[in-house]
Amino acid sequence: MIQTAGGCRAIALLVVAAGCRNAEASHELPPEQSDSVVVVAPAKLSSLSVASVGLRTERLVANLAAQLVPDEDHTVRISSPVTGRISGLDAVLGSSVEPGSPLARIVSGDLAQARSDLEKSNAVMSQAQATLLRTRDLYEHHVAARKDLEQAESDATQARAEAARARARIEQLGSGYGGVTGEYVLRSPIRGQVIDRTANPGMEVRPDLGAPLFTVSDLSTVWLTVNVFQKDLPNVHPGARLVFHTDAFPGRTFEARVKYVSNALDPASRTAIVRATLPNADGSLKTMETGEAGLYVHDASPVLVVPTRAIVTHGDASVVFVSTGKNRFVRRTVQLGDDDGESTVVLSGLNQGDRVVIDGSILLEGETQHAP
């Protein structure tokens, strides 16, 4: 009976112990179900974007209103060098032109006169040259006097000078010699696009006309102009980086380098004009387009940063989601530093090279809250 009772007590203890172990096991979740880990279904992975954590070597110091304008180093404003009337247009607003491409045709008395002067001067020069040859021959045969030879040489020299002047005038107009005609062809001196045009058929033109007839610009580069407040001027210098954002291309950025900083402030706005050269090889950016440009300067010492949109709030803590596998993510608490609106300094909780979720953090936070 004693052995039986002891056996019963032993069995009871084993049953209780087993029950306790089962109870403990019932509160243990597999790693996939823990509060800090989430496994994402493959169909949802397309909603996430992941990037490696890196060191920031420069920081954003200001966001500035910006506008695109033509690159004046590759822009020409073309007026008529002759007085006359426009008889036809060869280029319209938006036309692509090459060096020498015709823009407009102008009926001009000035050009007709210049070509006539050239024809006359060439004829006089030929005659003077012939007279000189005859006079020299006569002088050598002691028929003509020395003064006759000197006069013939002087006349020939003057005739050559007048012909050279008339030829230079034609070359200045860039119209060629093509006979005594009054049609002048206005041409583009550079490759680019016609971005402005005031010329119209029948319009009377002259060299001192106030507005240019055509403006041609090579839009493969444009100028990014910003007005910088005086407190930010110590951070602006030639070569500084500006990152341009525009509503025309959401999510796309365009990088420019500062080329010019004004030496004087605008008395009304207390800002300085800053220009940067922005590549535009595909022609997607348009002149007079507006947007916002971020001004970046080098950090004194590199710091670890993550994009601000990667951070979500969990209770009183700031957390990010770190990728640990193909579809497995761990929620990790981080201590944060300065935030410039685009990136946030991470003081602790992450290491360089960690892969964190940039877009979709809120989705993962919801997944952890609804985990069974």
Protein backbone atom coordinates (compact mmCIF):
# COMPACT_ATOMS: atom_id res chain seq x y z
CA MET A 1 0.00 0.00 0.00
CA ILE A 2 2.84 2.42 0.76
CA GLN A 3 4.46 1.70 -2.55
CA THR A 4 1.13 2.14 -4.28
CA ALA A 5 0.46 5.45 -2.58
CA GLY A 6 4.00 6.65 -3.41
CA GLY A 7 3.49 5.59 -6.99
CA CYS A 8 0.26 7.54 -7.14
CA ARG A 9 1.97 10.62 -5.77
CA ALA A 10 4.76 10.28 -8.33
CA ILE A 11 2.30 9.93 -11.15
CA ALA A 12 0.44 13.00 -9.90
CA LEU A 13 3.65 15.03 -9.79
CA LEU A 14 4.54 13.95 -13.33
CA VAL A 15 1.10 14.94 -14.55
CA VAL A 16 1.35 18.37 -12.87
CA ALA A 17 4.85 18.95 -14.27
CA ALA A 18 3.75 17.97 -17.74
CA GLY A 19 0.77 20.28 -17.44
CA CYS A 20 3.00 23.15 -16.41
CA ARG A 21 5.34 22.54 -19.33
CA ASN A 22 2.35 22.43 -21.71
CA ALA A 23 1.04 25.67 -20.26
CA GLU A 24 4.41 27.35 -20.71
CA ALA A 25 4.67 26.03 -24.24
CA SER A 26 1.23 27.42 -25.06
CA HIS A 27 2.56 30.96 -24.37
CA GLU A 28 5.65 30.54 -26.57
CA LEU A 29 5.20 31.68 -30.19
CA PRO A 30 7.41 30.63 -33.05
CA PRO A 31 9.78 33.37 -34.19
CA GLU A 32 7.52 34.18 -37.13
CA GLN A 33 4.70 35.04 -34.73
CA SER A 34 6.75 37.12 -32.24
CA ASP A 35 5.98 40.78 -31.59
CA SER A 36 9.15 42.09 -33.37
CA VAL A 37 9.25 39.84 -36.43
CA VAL A 38 6.91 39.77 -39.40
CA VAL A 39 6.87 37.47 -42.39
CA VAL A 40 5.33 39.07 -45.46
CA ALA A 41 3.39 37.15 -48.06
CA PRO A 42 5.14 37.18 -51.45
CA ALA A 43 2.22 39.06 -53.00
CA LYS A 44 2.84 42.03 -50.68
CA LEU A 45 6.58 42.32 -51.29
CA SER A 46 5.98 44.56 -54.30
CA SER A 47 4.63 47.20 -51.90
CA LEU A 48 7.97 47.40 -50.07
CA SER A 49 11.27 48.99 -51.01
CA VAL A 50 14.46 48.22 -49.15
CA ALA A 51 17.81 50.03 -49.09
CA SER A 52 21.08 49.69 -47.22
CA VAL A 53 21.88 52.06 -44.37
CA GLY A 54 24.87 54.23 -45.21
CA LEU A 55 26.94 57.13 -43.94
CA ARG A 56 25.90 60.65 -44.82
CA THR A 57 28.74 62.81 -46.04
CA GLU A 58 26.62 65.91 -46.69
CA ARG A 59 23.51 67.40 -45.16
CA LEU A 60 20.55 69.43 -46.33
CA VAL A 61 20.71 72.99 -45.03
CA ALA A 62 17.87 74.70 -46.90
CA ASN A 63 14.96 74.10 -49.27
CA LEU A 64 14.70 76.97 -51.71
CA ALA A 65 12.12 78.06 -54.29
CA ALA A 66 13.70 77.48 -57.69
CA GLN A 67 13.06 78.22 -61.36
CA LEU A 68 14.60 76.99 -64.61
CA VAL A 69 15.78 79.54 -67.17
CA PRO A 70 17.73 79.22 -70.44
CA ASP A 71 21.48 78.73 -70.19
CA GLU A 72 22.70 82.14 -71.32
CA ASP A 73 26.08 80.67 -72.26
CA HIS A 74 24.26 78.74 -75.01
CA THR A 75 21.53 81.23 -75.93
CA VAL A 76 21.47 83.87 -78.67
CA ARG A 77 18.98 86.63 -79.40
CA ILE A 78 18.89 87.35 -83.10
CA SER A 79 17.96 90.67 -84.68
CA SER A 80 18.06 91.82 -88.28
CA PRO A 81 21.32 93.51 -89.35
CA VAL A 82 19.48 95.15 -92.26
CA THR A 83 16.45 97.36 -92.70
CA GLY A 84 13.65 95.76 -94.62
CA ARG A 85 10.43 93.76 -94.52
CA ILE A 86 9.98 90.10 -93.58
CA SER A 87 8.75 88.20 -96.62
CA GLY A 88 8.61 84.73 -95.08
CA LEU A 89 9.41 82.60 -92.04
CA ASP A 90 11.48 79.41 -92.09
CA ALA A 91 11.28 78.68 -88.33
CA VAL A 92 8.48 78.91 -85.80
CA LEU A 93 8.33 78.73 -82.03
CA GLY A 94 9.71 75.38 -80.90
CA SER A 95 11.60 74.63 -84.11
CA SER A 96 14.90 72.78 -83.80
CA VAL A 97 17.66 74.50 -85.75
CA GLU A 98 21.28 73.89 -86.64
CA PRO A 99 24.07 76.42 -87.23
CA GLY A 100 23.21 78.15 -90.48
CA SER A 101 19.55 77.11 -90.52
CA PRO A 102 17.33 79.82 -92.09
CA LEU A 103 14.96 81.58 -89.70
CA ALA A 104 13.37 84.29 -91.85
CA ARG A 105 13.67 85.98 -95.25
CA ILE A 106 13.85 89.76 -95.44
CA VAL A 107 13.48 91.98 -98.50
CA SER A 108 16.07 94.67 -97.88
CA GLY A 109 17.28 97.71 -99.80
CA ASP A 110 20.35 97.74 -97.54
CA LEU A 111 21.41 94.34 -98.81
CA ALA A 112 20.76 95.27 -102.42
CA GLN A 113 22.90 98.40 -101.95
CA ALA A 114 25.69 96.40 -100.27
CA ARG A 115 25.77 93.87 -103.08
CA SER A 116 25.68 96.65 -105.68
CA ASP A 117 28.60 98.38 -103.95
CA LEU A 118 30.55 95.14 -104.06
CA GLU A 119 29.90 94.67 -107.77
CA LYS A 120 30.95 98.26 -108.50
CA SER A 121 34.09 98.05 -106.38
CA ASN A 122 35.12 94.80 -108.04
CA ALA A 123 34.71 96.43 -111.47
CA VAL A 124 36.70 99.51 -110.43
CA MET A 125 39.41 97.31 -108.95
CA SER A 126 39.70 95.29 -112.16
CA GLN A 127 39.95 98.45 -114.22
CA ALA A 128 42.53 100.02 -111.91
CA GLN A 129 44.61 96.85 -111.95
CA ALA A 130 44.55 96.78 -115.76
CA THR A 131 45.52 100.46 -115.93
CA LEU A 132 48.41 99.80 -113.57
CA LEU A 133 49.73 96.98 -115.73
CA ARG A 134 49.60 99.16 -118.87
CA THR A 135 51.21 102.13 -117.18
CA ARG A 136 54.00 99.98 -115.76
CA ASP A 137 54.69 98.57 -119.22
CA LEU A 138 54.79 102.05 -120.73
CA TYR A 139 57.06 103.30 -117.96
CA GLU A 140 59.48 100.43 -118.53
CA HIS A 141 59.63 101.38 -122.23
CA HIS A 142 60.20 105.06 -121.29
CA VAL A 143 56.85 106.13 -122.74
CA ALA A 144 55.01 107.06 -119.49
CA ALA A 145 56.31 109.35 -116.77
CA ARG A 146 57.15 108.24 -113.26
CA LYS A 147 54.25 110.25 -111.83
CA ASP A 148 51.79 108.39 -114.12
CA LEU A 149 52.99 105.06 -112.72
CA GLU A 150 52.67 106.32 -109.15
CA GLN A 151 49.14 107.56 -109.83
CA ALA A 152 48.14 104.20 -111.33
CA GLU A 153 49.57 102.36 -108.31
CA SER A 154 47.63 104.66 -105.98
CA ASP A 155 44.37 104.16 -107.89
CA ALA A 156 44.80 100.37 -107.83
CA THR A 157 45.48 100.40 -104.08
CA GLN A 158 42.37 102.49 -103.38
CA ALA A 159 40.25 100.25 -105.61
CA ARG A 160 41.43 97.12 -103.76
CA ALA A 161 40.66 98.75 -100.41
CA GLU A 162 37.16 99.72 -101.52
CA ALA A 163 36.48 96.22 -102.84
CA ALA A 164 37.70 94.72 -99.53
CA ARG A 165 35.40 97.06 -97.59
CA ALA A 166 32.38 96.10 -99.71
CA ARG A 167 33.24 92.41 -99.36
CA ALA A 168 33.59 92.76 -95.57
CA ARG A 169 30.15 94.38 -95.41
CA ILE A 170 28.62 91.43 -97.25
CA GLU A 171 30.45 88.96 -95.01
CA GLN A 172 29.24 90.86 -91.95
CA LEU A 173 25.68 90.43 -93.14
CA GLY A 174 26.43 86.75 -93.76
CA SER A 175 24.49 86.73 -97.00
CA GLY A 176 27.08 85.62 -99.54
CA TYR A 177 27.67 87.28 -102.87
CA GLY A 178 24.76 85.86 -104.95
CA GLY A 179 24.30 88.80 -107.29
CA VAL A 180 22.55 92.12 -106.79
CA THR A 181 19.40 90.91 -105.05
CA GLY A 182 17.59 92.33 -102.03
CA GLU A 183 16.55 89.12 -100.23
CA TYR A 184 18.41 88.65 -96.97
CA VAL A 185 18.23 85.27 -95.18
CA LEU A 186 18.40 85.53 -91.38
CA ARG A 187 20.15 82.40 -90.03
CA SER A 188 20.77 80.78 -86.66
CA PRO A 189 24.40 80.89 -85.48
CA ILE A 190 24.00 77.93 -83.07
CA ARG A 191 22.25 74.60 -82.62
CA GLY A 192 19.18 74.70 -80.40
CA GLN A 193 15.48 75.43 -80.28
CA VAL A 194 13.54 78.59 -81.03
CA ILE A 195 12.23 79.52 -77.58
CA ASP A 196 10.92 82.98 -78.46
CA ARG A 197 9.83 84.69 -81.68
CA THR A 198 8.52 88.17 -82.39
CA ALA A 199 9.00 88.04 -86.17
CA ASN A 200 5.92 87.87 -88.38
CA PRO A 201 5.46 88.01 -92.18
CA GLY A 202 5.16 91.58 -93.43
CA MET A 203 6.83 93.02 -90.34
CA GLU A 204 9.17 95.97 -90.92
CA VAL A 205 12.56 95.41 -89.29
CA ARG A 206 15.73 97.40 -88.71
CA PRO A 207 18.99 96.86 -86.80
CA ASP A 208 17.99 99.07 -83.85
CA LEU A 209 14.67 97.31 -83.25
CA GLY A 210 14.16 96.92 -79.49
CA ALA A 211 13.16 93.25 -79.23
CA PRO A 212 15.06 90.43 -80.96
CA LEU A 213 13.26 88.65 -83.77
CA PHE A 214 14.25 85.16 -82.57
CA THR A 215 15.74 83.66 -79.42
CA VAL A 216 17.53 80.35 -79.91
CA SER A 217 18.83 78.29 -76.99
CA ASP A 218 20.59 74.95 -76.65
CA LEU A 219 18.40 73.30 -74.01
CA SER A 220 20.71 70.34 -73.39
CA THR A 221 21.66 72.35 -70.30
CA VAL A 222 19.54 74.87 -68.40
CA TRP A 223 20.17 77.21 -65.49
CA LEU A 224 18.60 76.54 -62.11
CA THR A 225 18.11 79.85 -60.28
CA VAL A 226 17.37 80.21 -56.58
CA ASN A 227 17.21 83.13 -54.16
CA VAL A 228 19.30 82.37 -51.09
CA PHE A 229 18.74 84.15 -47.78
CA GLN A 230 21.79 85.76 -46.24
CA LYS A 231 21.86 83.30 -43.32
CA ASP A 232 22.46 80.46 -45.79
CA LEU A 233 25.04 82.26 -47.93
CA PRO A 234 28.05 80.89 -45.99
CA ASN A 235 27.02 77.44 -47.24
CA VAL A 236 26.81 78.47 -50.92
CA HIS A 237 29.85 78.44 -53.18
CA PRO A 238 30.64 77.42 -56.77
CA GLY A 239 30.46 73.64 -56.98
CA ALA A 240 27.90 73.24 -54.17
CA ARG A 241 25.14 70.71 -54.90
CA LEU A 242 21.50 71.58 -55.48
CA VAL A 243 18.85 68.88 -55.87
CA PHE A 244 15.82 70.05 -57.82
CA HIS A 245 12.28 68.66 -57.38
CA THR A 246 9.33 69.64 -59.57
CA ASP A 247 5.66 68.66 -59.65
CA ALA A 248 6.08 67.78 -63.32
CA PHE A 249 8.13 64.70 -62.32
CA PRO A 250 6.98 63.45 -58.88
CA GLY A 251 9.60 61.31 -57.18
CA ARG A 252 12.35 62.27 -59.63
CA THR A 253 15.29 64.47 -58.67
CA PHE A 254 17.67 66.53 -60.80
CA GLU A 255 21.16 67.37 -59.57
CA ALA A 256 22.84 70.69 -60.38
CA ARG A 257 26.11 72.35 -59.42
CA VAL A 258 26.33 76.00 -58.38
CA LYS A 259 28.13 78.10 -60.97
CA TYR A 260 27.48 81.67 -59.87
CA VAL A 261 26.70 83.46 -56.58
CA SER A 262 25.65 87.10 -56.72
CA ASN A 263 27.92 89.55 -54.94
CA ALA A 264 24.99 91.74 -53.87
CA LEU A 265 21.70 91.14 -52.08
CA ASP A 266 18.34 92.21 -53.41
CA PRO A 267 17.42 95.19 -51.20
CA ALA A 268 13.77 94.14 -50.97
CA SER A 269 14.03 90.39 -50.32
CA ARG A 270 17.51 90.37 -48.73
CA THR A 271 18.43 87.40 -50.88
CA ALA A 272 21.25 86.67 -53.33
CA ILE A 273 20.72 85.14 -56.75
CA VAL A 274 22.43 81.78 -57.19
CA ARG A 275 22.66 79.99 -60.54
CA ALA A 276 23.51 76.35 -61.11
CA THR A 277 24.03 74.40 -64.32
CA LEU A 278 21.57 71.54 -64.73
CA PRO A 279 22.05 68.85 -67.43
CA ASN A 280 18.94 68.31 -69.56
CA ALA A 281 20.08 65.89 -72.25
CA ASP A 282 16.63 64.35 -72.75
CA GLY A 283 14.93 67.75 -72.90
CA SER A 284 12.39 66.81 -70.24
CA LEU A 285 12.86 70.02 -68.25
CA LYS A 286 11.26 73.18 -69.59
CA THR A 287 12.43 76.74 -69.16
CA MET A 288 10.44 78.81 -66.64
CA GLU A 289 9.48 75.57 -64.83
CA THR A 290 9.31 76.03 -61.06
CA GLY A 291 9.99 73.73 -58.13
CA GLU A 292 12.08 73.39 -55.01
CA ALA A 293 15.83 72.91 -54.69
CA GLY A 294 17.59 71.41 -51.69
CA LEU A 295 20.96 72.94 -50.84
CA TYR A 296 23.49 70.40 -49.54
CA VAL A 297 26.81 70.98 -47.75
CA HIS A 298 29.48 68.54 -46.60
CA ASP A 299 29.28 67.17 -43.06
CA ALA A 300 32.24 67.77 -40.79
CA SER A 301 32.17 64.05 -39.94
CA PRO A 302 30.08 61.30 -41.59
CA VAL A 303 27.03 60.10 -39.65
CA LEU A 304 24.68 57.13 -40.06
CA VAL A 305 21.31 58.12 -41.55
CA VAL A 306 18.10 56.57 -42.84
CA PRO A 307 15.40 58.17 -44.98
CA THR A 308 12.89 59.84 -42.68
CA ARG A 309 9.99 57.99 -44.28
CA ALA A 310 11.48 54.67 -43.11
CA ILE A 311 10.78 55.56 -39.46
CA VAL A 312 7.46 54.70 -37.76
CA THR A 313 6.26 55.18 -34.20
CA HIS A 314 5.60 52.21 -31.92
CA GLY A 315 4.27 53.46 -28.61
CA ASP A 316 6.84 55.94 -27.32
CA ALA A 317 9.62 54.47 -29.43
CA SER A 318 10.85 55.09 -32.98
CA VAL A 319 11.35 51.92 -34.95
CA VAL A 320 12.48 50.74 -38.38
CA PHE A 321 12.08 47.37 -40.06
CA VAL A 322 15.27 45.53 -40.95
CA SER A 323 15.26 42.88 -43.67
CA THR A 324 16.69 39.57 -42.43
CA GLY A 325 15.63 37.37 -45.32
CA LYS A 326 13.69 37.23 -48.55
CA ASN A 327 10.35 38.03 -46.90
CA ARG A 328 11.29 38.30 -43.23
CA PHE A 329 11.61 41.61 -41.39
CA VAL A 330 12.54 42.50 -37.80
CA ARG A 331 11.24 45.57 -36.02
CA ARG A 332 14.11 47.39 -34.36
CA THR A 333 14.03 50.32 -31.96
CA VAL A 334 16.36 53.19 -32.88
CA GLN A 335 17.60 56.35 -31.19
CA LEU A 336 17.41 59.32 -33.52
CA GLY A 337 19.26 62.60 -33.97
CA ASP A 338 18.77 65.52 -36.34
CA ASP A 339 16.14 65.35 -39.07
CA ASP A 340 16.50 67.55 -42.16
CA GLY A 341 13.16 66.51 -43.64
CA GLU A 342 14.63 63.89 -45.98
CA SER A 343 17.00 61.89 -43.80
CA THR A 344 17.36 61.33 -40.07
CA VAL A 345 20.54 60.71 -38.10
CA VAL A 346 20.57 57.33 -36.29
CA LEU A 347 22.44 57.41 -32.98
CA SER A 348 21.94 53.74 -32.09
CA GLY A 349 20.02 50.64 -33.15
CA LEU A 350 21.42 50.22 -36.67
CA ASN A 351 24.73 49.44 -38.29
CA GLN A 352 26.12 50.51 -41.61
CA GLY A 353 24.99 48.04 -44.27
CA ASP A 354 21.74 47.02 -42.54
CA ARG A 355 18.93 46.77 -45.07
CA VAL A 356 15.89 48.71 -43.90
CA VAL A 357 12.42 49.14 -45.37
CA ILE A 358 12.15 52.60 -46.95
CA ASP A 359 8.61 52.43 -48.32
CA GLY A 360 6.04 50.19 -46.64
CA SER A 361 7.08 50.52 -42.99
CA ILE A 362 3.52 51.40 -41.96
CA LEU A 363 2.28 48.24 -43.69
CA LEU A 364 4.72 46.12 -41.68
CA GLU A 365 3.77 47.86 -38.44
CA GLY A 366 0.17 46.93 -39.13
CA GLU A 367 1.20 43.34 -39.76
CA THR A 368 2.91 43.09 -36.36
CA GLN A 369 -0.12 44.53 -34.57
CA HIS A 370 -2.44 41.97 -36.16
CA ALA A 371 -0.13 38.98 -35.77
CA PRO A 372 -1.89 36.09 -34.00
